[in-house]
Structure formats: C-alpha cells, structure tokens
Amino acid sequence: MTTHGGYTDNAFIRSSILELTESDITLIPLPMFHMFAVSTLLNFITVGGTVIIMERFETEEVLDLLHENRITFFTGVPTMYSYLLSHPKIDQYDLGSIRICIIAGGNVNY
C-alpha cells in the first residue's frame, strides 16, 4: 500500500519534472475516485496552481473550458482524447495555451 508520504513525494517530484508553476491551470474531467485524477490534483496543490474539476466528461464542455480558461495542463484517457479530436467544431477553439497533455488508462492508437 502506498503511504501518504509516497503520494506527497510523487506530487512534488512530478510537478518539478513537468515544471508546473502557480500560473498553470488544469482541467480534471476524470472521476475523483481514481488515482489519475487525484495525482493531478496533488501536483497542482504542491505548486499552488489553479484546478477546475468537472463532475463528468462532456466533450463540448471540456472544449469550452479548455478555451475559456486558457488551460495549460490536461489529463485524460484515450477515449476522451478521441472524442475531443474528432469533435466537428474543434477548429473553432483556441487550444494554444495547452503546454502539457498526459494520457493514461489505455492504448493510444492515432
């Protein structure tokens, strides 16, 4: 079993490697009972960044939030990325603020 200290150490190390700062903004469309979401949250707590947590993944809402909030860090599973990239209006969103995307939870076939 992973200890509290293990989660804390991981958050500090990962946020350092990713060069996260307090000016970074993340959107978490993942379920908060899963470690992928929790680790993202912990990374941002360690640097004092902004966290926006969604109740559930909705493709167009994610695109709206990415655009409107100038998200810099995004995490998701392959299916989420597939839905986002195949959305018919994706070209209408300015996603240029995103500097880091992390994908986990399955194979990536693009």
Protein backbone atom coordinates (compact mmCIF):
# COMPACT_ATOMS: atom_id res chain seq x y z
CA MET A 1 0.00 0.00 0.00
CA THR A 2 1.24 3.46 -0.89
CA THR A 3 1.71 5.80 2.04
CA HIS A 4 0.66 9.42 2.40
CA GLY A 5 4.33 10.35 2.16
CA GLY A 6 4.65 8.37 -1.06
CA TYR A 7 1.80 10.32 -2.68
CA THR A 8 3.26 13.60 -1.43
CA ASP A 9 6.76 12.79 -2.69
CA ASN A 10 5.35 11.73 -6.06
CA ALA A 11 3.43 15.01 -6.37
CA PHE A 12 6.49 17.14 -5.60
CA ILE A 13 8.74 15.16 -7.94
CA ARG A 14 6.26 15.04 -10.81
CA SER A 15 5.36 18.74 -10.58
CA SER A 16 9.08 19.54 -10.61
CA ILE A 17 9.80 17.33 -13.63
CA LEU A 18 6.84 18.84 -15.50
CA GLU A 19 7.93 22.35 -14.44
CA LEU A 20 4.48 23.21 -13.12
CA THR A 21 4.07 26.63 -11.53
CA GLU A 22 1.37 28.59 -9.75
CA SER A 23 0.42 30.15 -13.09
CA ASP A 24 -0.57 26.75 -14.54
CA ILE A 25 -4.23 25.82 -14.85
CA THR A 26 -5.55 22.28 -15.11
CA LEU A 27 -8.90 20.85 -16.01
CA ILE A 28 -9.74 17.48 -14.44
CA PRO A 29 -12.55 15.69 -16.32
CA LEU A 30 -11.66 12.40 -14.63
CA PRO A 31 -13.53 10.70 -11.77
CA MET A 32 -12.03 11.87 -8.47
CA PHE A 33 -12.10 8.35 -7.02
CA HIS A 34 -9.36 7.36 -9.47
CA MET A 35 -5.66 7.87 -8.78
CA PHE A 36 -5.12 9.56 -12.16
CA ALA A 37 -7.34 12.45 -11.07
CA VAL A 38 -6.01 12.51 -7.51
CA SER A 39 -2.38 12.63 -8.66
CA THR A 40 -3.17 15.54 -10.99
CA LEU A 41 -4.86 17.38 -8.13
CA LEU A 42 -1.92 16.73 -5.79
CA ASN A 43 0.56 18.01 -8.39
CA PHE A 44 -1.31 21.29 -8.56
CA ILE A 45 -1.69 21.60 -4.80
CA THR A 46 2.10 21.39 -4.45
CA VAL A 47 2.67 24.38 -6.75
CA GLY A 48 -0.45 26.41 -5.95
CA GLY A 49 -1.84 26.19 -9.49
CA THR A 50 -5.48 26.53 -10.45
CA VAL A 51 -7.64 23.39 -10.63
CA ILE A 52 -11.00 23.09 -12.37
CA ILE A 53 -12.80 19.82 -11.57
CA MET A 54 -15.63 18.60 -13.77
CA GLU A 55 -18.47 16.49 -12.46
CA ARG A 56 -18.32 14.33 -15.59
CA PHE A 57 -16.72 14.35 -19.01
CA GLU A 58 -18.78 16.10 -21.68
CA THR A 59 -16.85 16.69 -24.92
CA GLU A 60 -18.14 20.15 -25.81
CA GLU A 61 -17.99 21.37 -22.20
CA VAL A 62 -14.35 20.26 -21.99
CA LEU A 63 -13.54 22.15 -25.19
CA ASP A 64 -15.34 25.24 -23.87
CA LEU A 65 -13.44 25.11 -20.57
CA LEU A 66 -10.08 24.49 -22.26
CA HIS A 67 -10.66 27.53 -24.47
CA GLU A 68 -12.27 29.91 -21.95
CA ASN A 69 -9.90 29.21 -19.05
CA ARG A 70 -6.68 29.01 -21.10
CA ILE A 71 -5.88 25.58 -19.63
CA THR A 72 -2.15 24.78 -19.65
CA PHE A 73 -2.22 21.17 -18.38
CA PHE A 74 -4.72 18.50 -19.39
CA THR A 75 -5.07 14.85 -18.42
CA GLY A 76 -7.40 12.26 -19.86
CA VAL A 77 -7.87 8.71 -21.04
CA PRO A 78 -7.58 7.73 -24.74
CA THR A 79 -11.35 7.77 -25.30
CA MET A 80 -11.57 11.37 -24.07
CA TYR A 81 -8.82 12.47 -26.46
CA SER A 82 -10.53 10.60 -29.29
CA TYR A 83 -13.84 12.39 -28.62
CA LEU A 84 -12.10 15.76 -28.37
CA LEU A 85 -10.02 15.36 -31.52
CA SER A 86 -12.97 14.12 -33.57
CA HIS A 87 -15.38 16.86 -32.42
CA PRO A 88 -16.74 18.61 -35.54
CA LYS A 89 -16.11 22.10 -34.10
CA ILE A 90 -12.62 21.55 -32.65
CA ASP A 91 -11.12 24.06 -35.11
CA GLN A 92 -13.29 26.79 -33.58
CA TYR A 93 -11.49 26.53 -30.22
CA ASP A 94 -8.19 28.20 -29.35
CA LEU A 95 -6.28 25.47 -27.52
CA GLY A 96 -2.89 27.13 -27.91
CA SER A 97 -2.49 27.64 -24.16
CA ILE A 98 -2.12 23.88 -23.54
CA ARG A 99 1.54 23.05 -22.99
CA ILE A 100 1.27 19.60 -21.40
CA CYS A 101 -1.15 16.75 -22.11
CA ILE A 102 -0.94 13.47 -20.24
CA ILE A 103 -2.74 10.37 -21.40
CA ALA A 104 -3.14 7.15 -19.42
CA GLY A 105 -5.51 4.30 -18.87
CA GLY A 106 -5.28 2.55 -22.21
CA ASN A 107 -3.60 2.18 -25.57
CA VAL A 108 -3.22 5.19 -27.83
CA ASN A 109 -3.95 4.47 -31.47
CA TYR A 110 -3.76 7.66 -33.56
